[in-house]
Structure formats: structure tokens, C-alpha cells
Amino acid sequence: MKISRQKREKIYEQILAYLYSISPKALFTLNIAVEIARDEEFVKTLLLELKKKELVVEIKKNPAGFPYLKRSRWKLTDSAYQAYKKHQSSFQNQNNSLNYT
């Protein structure tokens, strides 16, 4: 089954929003897949596409510096985090101004 480009974009947004909400923590592909209720292999494919766009970073080593054999953790790049933060703050400011009118 093929997913439309528009739906893929929405799922990208879900992934990025979730990674932003837990930043700077890095999560395994499985944790992200469970959170957005998608298949793990599909989420991995999307994460690799986001990595090519330089929006996420793949971490292949554990905190002690030993490489994972079959897993990866993911987090937002610093530039993606800053862009998302800027977008969120402008969105909140816009909503706050609407509440006071």
C-alpha cells in the first residue's frame, strides 16, 4: 500500500513534534513508532529520509560509547530544534494575542 506524499508529510511532522517535545533526549526507533502508532520499519524509513534532510541525527552508540549492533537512537539536529522552537514561540505569541482581543 502506497501512502500519499501529503500523508507522509503529516507523519514527518508527528515525528519531529514528538522529538522536539522530548529534546534533548534521544529515542530508539521503536519508542518513536509506538508513540506515533506506526510500524517500526516504516518509521525507520521516514527517519532515514529526515536524516538526509538534516532534520534528525542518528546515534549509533550507547552513552558509554559502545556501538549498537542493530539499533539506533534519534534526536533533532540543533538547527531543526531552533527552527521548531522559533515556530512554536511565534505560534504561541499569535495565540496569546488572539486571547486578549
Protein backbone atom coordinates (compact mmCIF):
# COMPACT_ATOMS: atom_id res chain seq x y z
CA MET A 1 0.00 0.00 0.00
CA LYS A 2 1.39 3.36 -1.00
CA ILE A 3 0.99 6.41 1.23
CA SER A 4 0.44 9.79 -0.41
CA ARG A 5 3.10 12.47 -0.17
CA GLN A 6 0.73 14.65 1.87
CA LYS A 7 0.20 11.90 4.46
CA ARG A 8 3.96 11.24 4.63
CA GLU A 9 4.49 14.94 5.37
CA LYS A 10 1.96 14.75 8.22
CA ILE A 11 3.77 11.74 9.69
CA TYR A 12 7.10 13.60 9.36
CA GLU A 13 5.50 16.42 11.35
CA GLN A 14 4.36 13.98 14.04
CA ILE A 15 7.86 12.54 14.36
CA LEU A 16 9.52 15.95 14.51
CA ALA A 17 6.98 17.29 17.01
CA TYR A 18 7.50 14.28 19.27
CA LEU A 19 11.30 14.54 19.11
CA TYR A 20 11.00 18.27 19.87
CA SER A 21 8.81 17.56 22.90
CA ILE A 22 11.38 15.20 24.45
CA SER A 23 14.50 17.06 23.29
CA PRO A 24 17.45 16.77 24.03
CA LYS A 25 16.71 13.13 24.83
CA ALA A 26 17.33 10.62 22.03
CA LEU A 27 14.90 7.74 21.50
CA PHE A 28 15.06 4.38 19.80
CA THR A 29 13.12 3.85 16.59
CA LEU A 30 10.74 1.51 18.44
CA ASN A 31 9.84 4.18 21.01
CA ILE A 32 9.06 6.69 18.28
CA ALA A 33 7.00 4.13 16.34
CA VAL A 34 4.96 3.26 19.43
CA GLU A 35 4.33 6.93 20.24
CA ILE A 36 3.02 7.80 16.78
CA ALA A 37 1.30 4.40 16.33
CA ARG A 38 3.16 3.35 13.18
CA ASP A 39 5.10 0.30 12.05
CA GLU A 40 8.74 0.33 13.19
CA GLU A 41 10.20 -0.37 9.73
CA PHE A 42 8.09 2.38 8.18
CA VAL A 43 9.19 4.84 10.88
CA LYS A 44 12.82 3.86 10.31
CA THR A 45 12.42 4.62 6.60
CA LEU A 46 10.96 8.04 7.42
CA LEU A 47 13.70 8.76 9.96
CA LEU A 48 16.36 7.96 7.37
CA GLU A 49 14.66 10.39 4.96
CA LEU A 50 14.62 13.05 7.70
CA LYS A 51 18.31 12.34 8.29
CA LYS A 52 19.03 13.05 4.60
CA LYS A 53 17.20 16.37 5.02
CA GLU A 54 19.43 17.05 8.06
CA LEU A 55 16.48 17.32 10.45
CA VAL A 56 17.38 14.39 12.70
CA VAL A 57 20.62 12.81 13.89
CA GLU A 58 21.12 9.06 14.11
CA ILE A 59 23.02 7.93 17.19
CA LYS A 60 24.63 4.53 16.77
CA LYS A 61 26.47 4.33 20.09
CA ASN A 62 25.24 3.91 23.63
CA PRO A 63 26.07 6.50 26.33
CA ALA A 64 29.20 4.52 27.25
CA GLY A 65 30.48 4.80 23.67
CA PHE A 66 29.87 1.23 22.56
CA PRO A 67 28.22 0.78 19.16
CA TYR A 68 24.71 -0.64 18.96
CA LEU A 69 24.60 -3.77 16.85
CA LYS A 70 21.07 -3.46 15.48
CA ARG A 71 19.53 -0.32 16.94
CA SER A 72 19.72 3.42 16.57
CA ARG A 73 18.57 6.32 18.66
CA TRP A 74 17.29 9.53 17.11
CA LYS A 75 17.12 13.18 18.07
CA LEU A 76 16.56 16.52 16.37
CA THR A 77 19.53 18.36 14.93
CA ASP A 78 20.34 21.61 16.70
CA SER A 79 19.25 23.65 13.68
CA ALA A 80 15.92 21.77 13.45
CA TYR A 81 15.36 22.25 17.19
CA GLN A 82 15.99 26.01 16.93
CA ALA A 83 13.70 26.34 13.90
CA TYR A 84 10.93 24.39 15.63
CA LYS A 85 11.38 26.42 18.81
CA LYS A 86 11.11 29.67 16.85
CA HIS A 87 8.00 28.42 15.08
CA GLN A 88 6.41 27.32 18.36
CA SER A 89 7.11 30.63 20.10
CA SER A 90 5.67 32.67 17.21
CA PHE A 91 2.62 30.38 17.18
CA GLN A 92 2.14 30.86 20.94
CA ASN A 93 2.55 34.63 20.64
CA GLN A 94 -0.05 34.68 17.90
CA ASN A 95 -2.48 32.65 20.03
CA ASN A 96 -1.87 34.86 23.07
CA SER A 97 -2.67 37.99 21.11
CA LEU A 98 -5.93 36.41 19.91
CA ASN A 99 -6.95 35.63 23.50
CA TYR A 100 -6.63 39.26 24.59
CA THR A 101 -8.72 40.81 21.84
